[in-house]
Amino acid sequence: MSEKKKFNLEYEIKSSPRILYTFLVEANGLSQWFADNVNYRDQIYTFEWDGELFKARLVNAKENKLVRFKWIDDEPYYFELEILQDELTNDVALSVTDFATEDNIDERKLIWDNQIDYLISTLGA
């Protein structure tokens, strides 16, 4: 299995950190933009894409700031969503940290671009 590399993306999002955070941490919010379906039970999130299930544990959460999910079947990999707010302009951005193999990284970035587009339209931002 080839090693995965960490990558980071940043998206400008016109939303308050408080509203945005609910879409990052609540199963209902996540299922509106991130996965086809999301369930939360016994501190485990189950993400469903095209009938396939992936389980992750929320390992870090700072209210209105950050969530980090660690994949249960793909340790030590995780994905992190961090809300950044410019102190001067109050502009809000979402920073995404994820991992992908070298030959898969462009595709993963494209997937994030599409999912963040869904998020922005869901927020009506």
N, C-alpha and C. Protein backbone atom coordinates (compact mmCIF):
# COMPACT_ATOMS: atom_id res chain seq x y z
N MET A 1 0.85 -1.19 0.00
CA MET A 1 0.00 0.00 0.00
C MET A 1 0.88 1.24 0.00
N SER A 2 0.62 2.15 -0.90
CA SER A 2 1.50 3.31 -0.98
C SER A 2 1.14 4.34 0.10
N GLU A 3 2.13 5.04 0.51
CA GLU A 3 1.97 6.01 1.58
C GLU A 3 1.16 7.22 1.12
N LYS A 4 0.37 7.72 2.05
CA LYS A 4 -0.45 8.89 1.73
C LYS A 4 0.27 10.16 2.17
N LYS A 5 0.02 11.22 1.42
CA LYS A 5 0.60 12.52 1.73
C LYS A 5 -0.47 13.46 2.24
N LYS A 6 -0.07 14.29 3.16
CA LYS A 6 -0.99 15.28 3.71
C LYS A 6 -1.10 16.45 2.73
N PHE A 7 -2.32 16.96 2.55
CA PHE A 7 -2.48 18.17 1.75
C PHE A 7 -3.49 19.08 2.43
N ASN A 8 -3.44 20.33 2.04
CA ASN A 8 -4.29 21.34 2.68
C ASN A 8 -4.95 22.20 1.62
N LEU A 9 -6.22 22.49 1.81
CA LEU A 9 -6.98 23.35 0.91
C LEU A 9 -7.67 24.42 1.74
N GLU A 10 -7.94 25.55 1.12
CA GLU A 10 -8.64 26.59 1.85
C GLU A 10 -9.73 27.19 0.96
N TYR A 11 -10.89 27.39 1.56
CA TYR A 11 -12.04 27.91 0.82
C TYR A 11 -12.64 29.08 1.57
N GLU A 12 -12.97 30.13 0.84
CA GLU A 12 -13.67 31.26 1.45
C GLU A 12 -15.15 30.89 1.55
N ILE A 13 -15.72 31.12 2.73
CA ILE A 13 -17.12 30.77 2.93
C ILE A 13 -17.82 31.93 3.62
N LYS A 14 -18.90 32.38 3.01
CA LYS A 14 -19.64 33.49 3.60
C LYS A 14 -20.67 32.95 4.57
N SER A 15 -20.21 32.75 5.79
CA SER A 15 -21.09 32.21 6.83
C SER A 15 -20.49 32.58 8.17
N SER A 16 -21.31 32.57 9.20
CA SER A 16 -20.74 32.78 10.54
C SER A 16 -20.11 31.46 10.99
N PRO A 17 -19.02 31.53 11.76
CA PRO A 17 -18.39 30.31 12.26
C PRO A 17 -19.39 29.42 13.02
N ARG A 18 -20.32 30.03 13.73
CA ARG A 18 -21.28 29.27 14.53
C ARG A 18 -22.18 28.41 13.65
N ILE A 19 -22.69 29.00 12.57
CA ILE A 19 -23.56 28.25 11.65
C ILE A 19 -22.74 27.20 10.90
N LEU A 20 -21.60 27.59 10.41
CA LEU A 20 -20.73 26.68 9.67
C LEU A 20 -20.36 25.46 10.51
N TYR A 21 -20.05 25.69 11.78
CA TYR A 21 -19.62 24.60 12.67
C TYR A 21 -20.67 23.49 12.76
N THR A 22 -21.96 23.86 12.80
CA THR A 22 -22.99 22.82 12.90
C THR A 22 -22.96 21.88 11.69
N PHE A 23 -22.55 22.42 10.52
CA PHE A 23 -22.47 21.59 9.32
C PHE A 23 -21.22 20.71 9.32
N LEU A 24 -20.30 20.97 10.22
CA LEU A 24 -19.06 20.20 10.28
C LEU A 24 -19.10 19.12 11.35
N VAL A 25 -19.97 19.28 12.33
CA VAL A 25 -19.93 18.38 13.48
C VAL A 25 -21.20 17.55 13.65
N GLU A 26 -22.33 18.03 13.16
CA GLU A 26 -23.58 17.29 13.34
C GLU A 26 -23.82 16.36 12.16
N ALA A 27 -24.25 15.14 12.46
CA ALA A 27 -24.50 14.14 11.42
C ALA A 27 -25.47 14.68 10.37
N ASN A 28 -26.52 15.34 10.83
CA ASN A 28 -27.51 15.90 9.92
C ASN A 28 -26.89 16.96 9.01
N GLY A 29 -26.06 17.81 9.59
CA GLY A 29 -25.38 18.84 8.81
C GLY A 29 -24.41 18.24 7.80
N LEU A 30 -23.63 17.27 8.25
CA LEU A 30 -22.65 16.61 7.36
C LEU A 30 -23.33 15.89 6.20
N SER A 31 -24.48 15.30 6.47
CA SER A 31 -25.15 14.54 5.39
C SER A 31 -25.76 15.47 4.34
N GLN A 32 -25.84 16.76 4.63
CA GLN A 32 -26.37 17.69 3.64
C GLN A 32 -25.33 18.08 2.59
N TRP A 33 -24.05 17.84 2.88
CA TRP A 33 -23.03 18.27 1.91
C TRP A 33 -21.84 17.33 1.79
N PHE A 34 -21.53 16.59 2.83
CA PHE A 34 -20.27 15.85 2.85
C PHE A 34 -20.40 14.42 2.35
N ALA A 35 -21.45 13.75 2.74
CA ALA A 35 -21.63 12.35 2.36
C ALA A 35 -23.09 12.12 1.99
N ASP A 36 -23.37 10.98 1.35
CA ASP A 36 -24.75 10.67 0.99
C ASP A 36 -25.60 10.52 2.25
N ASN A 37 -24.99 9.95 3.27
CA ASN A 37 -25.68 9.76 4.54
C ASN A 37 -24.64 9.72 5.65
N VAL A 38 -25.00 10.25 6.82
CA VAL A 38 -24.09 10.24 7.97
C VAL A 38 -24.90 9.83 9.20
N ASN A 39 -24.38 8.86 9.92
CA ASN A 39 -24.99 8.45 11.19
C ASN A 39 -23.98 8.62 12.30
N TYR A 40 -24.49 8.94 13.48
CA TYR A 40 -23.63 9.11 14.64
C TYR A 40 -24.16 8.22 15.74
N ARG A 41 -23.30 7.35 16.25
CA ARG A 41 -23.71 6.45 17.31
C ARG A 41 -22.49 5.99 18.09
N ASP A 42 -22.61 5.99 19.41
CA ASP A 42 -21.52 5.55 20.29
C ASP A 42 -20.21 6.24 19.94
N GLN A 43 -20.28 7.53 19.70
CA GLN A 43 -19.12 8.37 19.39
C GLN A 43 -18.43 8.01 18.08
N ILE A 44 -19.12 7.27 17.22
CA ILE A 44 -18.58 6.92 15.91
C ILE A 44 -19.50 7.51 14.84
N TYR A 45 -18.88 8.18 13.88
CA TYR A 45 -19.61 8.68 12.72
C TYR A 45 -19.47 7.65 11.61
N THR A 46 -20.57 7.31 10.97
CA THR A 46 -20.54 6.42 9.82
C THR A 46 -20.93 7.24 8.59
N PHE A 47 -19.99 7.37 7.67
CA PHE A 47 -20.20 8.14 6.44
C PHE A 47 -20.51 7.15 5.31
N GLU A 48 -21.52 7.47 4.53
CA GLU A 48 -21.88 6.60 3.42
C GLU A 48 -21.74 7.35 2.11
N TRP A 49 -21.00 6.72 1.18
CA TRP A 49 -20.87 7.22 -0.19
C TRP A 49 -21.14 6.06 -1.12
N ASP A 50 -22.09 6.23 -2.04
CA ASP A 50 -22.41 5.20 -3.03
C ASP A 50 -22.57 3.81 -2.40
N GLY A 51 -23.23 3.75 -1.27
CA GLY A 51 -23.49 2.47 -0.62
C GLY A 51 -22.35 1.90 0.20
N GLU A 52 -21.18 2.56 0.16
CA GLU A 52 -20.03 2.10 0.96
C GLU A 52 -19.98 2.86 2.27
N LEU A 53 -19.69 2.15 3.35
CA LEU A 53 -19.64 2.76 4.67
C LEU A 53 -18.20 2.94 5.15
N PHE A 54 -17.94 4.11 5.73
CA PHE A 54 -16.63 4.42 6.30
C PHE A 54 -16.86 4.98 7.69
N LYS A 55 -16.10 4.45 8.66
CA LYS A 55 -16.30 4.89 10.04
C LYS A 55 -15.14 5.78 10.49
N ALA A 56 -15.51 6.80 11.26
CA ALA A 56 -14.51 7.72 11.79
C ALA A 56 -14.92 8.14 13.20
N ARG A 57 -13.92 8.49 13.96
CA ARG A 57 -14.15 8.97 15.32
C ARG A 57 -13.76 10.45 15.37
N LEU A 58 -14.59 11.24 16.02
CA LEU A 58 -14.27 12.65 16.22
C LEU A 58 -13.22 12.72 17.31
N VAL A 59 -11.97 13.04 16.95
CA VAL A 59 -10.88 13.01 17.93
C VAL A 59 -10.52 14.39 18.45
N ASN A 60 -11.00 15.42 17.78
CA ASN A 60 -10.73 16.77 18.26
C ASN A 60 -11.88 17.67 17.81
N ALA A 61 -12.37 18.47 18.73
CA ALA A 61 -13.43 19.42 18.37
C ALA A 61 -13.27 20.66 19.24
N LYS A 62 -13.21 21.81 18.58
CA LYS A 62 -13.20 23.08 19.29
C LYS A 62 -14.38 23.86 18.75
N GLU A 63 -15.31 24.19 19.61
CA GLU A 63 -16.55 24.79 19.16
C GLU A 63 -16.33 26.00 18.27
N ASN A 64 -17.01 25.99 17.13
CA ASN A 64 -16.96 27.07 16.13
C ASN A 64 -15.57 27.29 15.54
N LYS A 65 -14.68 26.30 15.71
CA LYS A 65 -13.29 26.45 15.24
C LYS A 65 -12.79 25.27 14.41
N LEU A 66 -12.98 24.04 14.92
CA LEU A 66 -12.25 22.93 14.32
C LEU A 66 -12.89 21.59 14.64
N VAL A 67 -12.84 20.68 13.67
CA VAL A 67 -13.18 19.27 13.91
C VAL A 67 -12.12 18.40 13.22
N ARG A 68 -11.76 17.32 13.89
CA ARG A 68 -10.84 16.36 13.28
C ARG A 68 -11.43 14.97 13.45
N PHE A 69 -11.60 14.29 12.31
CA PHE A 69 -12.12 12.93 12.29
C PHE A 69 -10.99 11.98 11.93
N LYS A 70 -10.84 10.92 12.72
CA LYS A 70 -9.81 9.92 12.43
C LYS A 70 -10.49 8.68 11.87
N TRP A 71 -10.02 8.22 10.72
CA TRP A 71 -10.61 7.03 10.10
C TRP A 71 -10.29 5.80 10.93
N ILE A 72 -11.28 5.00 11.23
CA ILE A 72 -11.08 3.81 12.06
C ILE A 72 -10.35 2.72 11.28
N ASP A 73 -10.70 2.54 10.01
CA ASP A 73 -10.08 1.47 9.22
C ASP A 73 -8.88 1.95 8.42
N ASP A 74 -8.47 3.17 8.62
CA ASP A 74 -7.37 3.73 7.82
C ASP A 74 -6.46 4.56 8.71
N GLU A 75 -6.09 3.98 9.85
CA GLU A 75 -5.17 4.68 10.75
C GLU A 75 -3.82 4.83 10.06
N PRO A 76 -3.06 5.83 10.28
CA PRO A 76 -3.28 6.94 11.22
C PRO A 76 -3.94 8.14 10.56
N TYR A 77 -4.63 7.93 9.44
CA TYR A 77 -5.12 9.06 8.64
C TYR A 77 -6.38 9.68 9.22
N TYR A 78 -6.52 10.96 8.94
CA TYR A 78 -7.66 11.72 9.43
C TYR A 78 -8.00 12.80 8.42
N PHE A 79 -9.09 13.47 8.65
CA PHE A 79 -9.34 14.72 7.92
C PHE A 79 -9.77 15.76 8.94
N GLU A 80 -9.36 16.97 8.69
CA GLU A 80 -9.61 18.04 9.64
C GLU A 80 -10.23 19.23 8.90
N LEU A 81 -11.22 19.83 9.51
CA LEU A 81 -11.88 21.01 8.98
C LEU A 81 -11.73 22.12 10.01
N GLU A 82 -11.04 23.18 9.61
CA GLU A 82 -10.79 24.27 10.55
C GLU A 82 -11.40 25.56 10.02
N ILE A 83 -12.14 26.22 10.89
CA ILE A 83 -12.76 27.49 10.52
C ILE A 83 -11.78 28.61 10.87
N LEU A 84 -11.43 29.39 9.87
CA LEU A 84 -10.50 30.50 10.07
C LEU A 84 -11.28 31.80 9.89
N GLN A 85 -11.07 32.73 10.81
CA GLN A 85 -11.75 34.02 10.67
C GLN A 85 -10.72 35.13 10.76
N ASP A 86 -10.72 35.97 9.74
CA ASP A 86 -9.79 37.10 9.69
C ASP A 86 -10.22 38.13 10.74
N GLU A 87 -9.29 38.52 11.59
CA GLU A 87 -9.63 39.42 12.68
C GLU A 87 -10.00 40.82 12.19
N LEU A 88 -9.45 41.24 11.07
CA LEU A 88 -9.73 42.59 10.56
C LEU A 88 -11.01 42.63 9.74
N THR A 89 -11.15 41.69 8.82
CA THR A 89 -12.27 41.75 7.88
C THR A 89 -13.45 40.88 8.32
N ASN A 90 -13.20 39.98 9.29
CA ASN A 90 -14.20 38.99 9.71
C ASN A 90 -14.53 37.98 8.62
N ASP A 91 -13.77 37.97 7.52
CA ASP A 91 -13.98 36.97 6.47
C ASP A 91 -13.74 35.58 7.05
N VAL A 92 -14.56 34.65 6.62
CA VAL A 92 -14.46 33.28 7.12
C VAL A 92 -13.94 32.38 6.01
N ALA A 93 -13.02 31.51 6.37
CA ALA A 93 -12.51 30.52 5.43
C ALA A 93 -12.56 29.15 6.11
N LEU A 94 -12.63 28.13 5.30
CA LEU A 94 -12.59 26.77 5.81
C LEU A 94 -11.32 26.12 5.30
N SER A 95 -10.50 25.68 6.23
CA SER A 95 -9.26 25.00 5.88
C SER A 95 -9.49 23.49 6.00
N VAL A 96 -9.14 22.76 4.94
CA VAL A 96 -9.32 21.31 4.91
C VAL A 96 -7.94 20.66 4.90
N THR A 97 -7.73 19.74 5.81
CA THR A 97 -6.52 18.92 5.81
C THR A 97 -6.95 17.48 5.58
N ASP A 98 -6.33 16.85 4.60
CA ASP A 98 -6.69 15.47 4.27
C ASP A 98 -5.43 14.75 3.77
N PHE A 99 -5.57 13.48 3.49
CA PHE A 99 -4.46 12.66 3.02
C PHE A 99 -4.87 11.91 1.76
N ALA A 100 -3.93 11.75 0.84
CA ALA A 100 -4.18 10.94 -0.36
C ALA A 100 -2.84 10.45 -0.89
N THR A 101 -2.91 9.36 -1.64
CA THR A 101 -1.69 8.87 -2.29
C THR A 101 -1.31 9.84 -3.39
N GLU A 102 -0.06 9.83 -3.74
CA GLU A 102 0.49 10.74 -4.76
C GLU A 102 -0.35 10.75 -6.04
N ASP A 103 -0.71 9.56 -6.51
CA ASP A 103 -1.45 9.47 -7.78
C ASP A 103 -2.95 9.77 -7.63
N ASN A 104 -3.37 10.02 -6.40
CA ASN A 104 -4.79 10.22 -6.13
C ASN A 104 -5.08 11.65 -5.65
N ILE A 105 -4.04 12.42 -5.43
CA ILE A 105 -4.18 13.71 -4.75
C ILE A 105 -5.02 14.71 -5.55
N ASP A 106 -4.82 14.79 -6.86
CA ASP A 106 -5.61 15.73 -7.67
C ASP A 106 -7.09 15.38 -7.64
N GLU A 107 -7.37 14.09 -7.70
CA GLU A 107 -8.76 13.64 -7.64
C GLU A 107 -9.39 13.99 -6.29
N ARG A 108 -8.65 13.77 -5.21
CA ARG A 108 -9.16 14.10 -3.87
C ARG A 108 -9.44 15.60 -3.75
N LYS A 109 -8.55 16.41 -4.31
CA LYS A 109 -8.76 17.86 -4.26
C LYS A 109 -10.03 18.25 -5.01
N LEU A 110 -10.25 17.61 -6.14
CA LEU A 110 -11.45 17.87 -6.94
C LEU A 110 -12.71 17.48 -6.16
N ILE A 111 -12.64 16.35 -5.47
CA ILE A 111 -13.77 15.91 -4.65
C ILE A 111 -14.07 16.95 -3.57
N TRP A 112 -13.02 17.44 -2.90
CA TRP A 112 -13.23 18.49 -1.88
C TRP A 112 -13.82 19.74 -2.51
N ASP A 113 -13.32 20.15 -3.67
CA ASP A 113 -13.86 21.34 -4.35
C ASP A 113 -15.37 21.18 -4.54
N ASN A 114 -15.78 20.01 -5.02
CA ASN A 114 -17.20 19.75 -5.26
C ASN A 114 -17.99 19.73 -3.97
N GLN A 115 -17.45 19.09 -2.94
CA GLN A 115 -18.18 19.01 -1.68
C GLN A 115 -18.30 20.38 -1.02
N ILE A 116 -17.26 21.19 -1.11
CA ILE A 116 -17.34 22.53 -0.53
C ILE A 116 -18.34 23.38 -1.31
N ASP A 117 -18.43 23.17 -2.63
CA ASP A 117 -19.46 23.85 -3.42
C ASP A 117 -20.86 23.49 -2.89
N TYR A 118 -21.08 22.20 -2.60
CA TYR A 118 -22.37 21.78 -2.02
C TYR A 118 -22.59 22.49 -0.68
N LEU A 119 -21.54 22.52 0.13
CA LEU A 119 -21.65 23.16 1.44
C LEU A 119 -22.06 24.62 1.29
N ILE A 120 -21.39 25.32 0.39
CA ILE A 120 -21.67 26.76 0.18
C ILE A 120 -23.12 26.94 -0.29
N SER A 121 -23.57 26.08 -1.21
CA SER A 121 -24.97 26.24 -1.68
C SER A 121 -25.96 25.85 -0.58
N THR A 122 -25.60 24.87 0.26
CA THR A 122 -26.46 24.48 1.38
C THR A 122 -26.59 25.63 2.38
N LEU A 123 -25.47 26.31 2.62
CA LEU A 123 -25.47 27.45 3.54
C LEU A 123 -26.18 28.65 2.94
N GLY A 124 -26.33 28.63 1.60
CA GLY A 124 -26.89 29.77 0.91
C GLY A 124 -25.93 30.95 0.94
N ALA A 125 -24.63 30.61 1.00
CA ALA A 125 -23.61 31.66 1.16
C ALA A 125 -23.19 32.22 -0.19
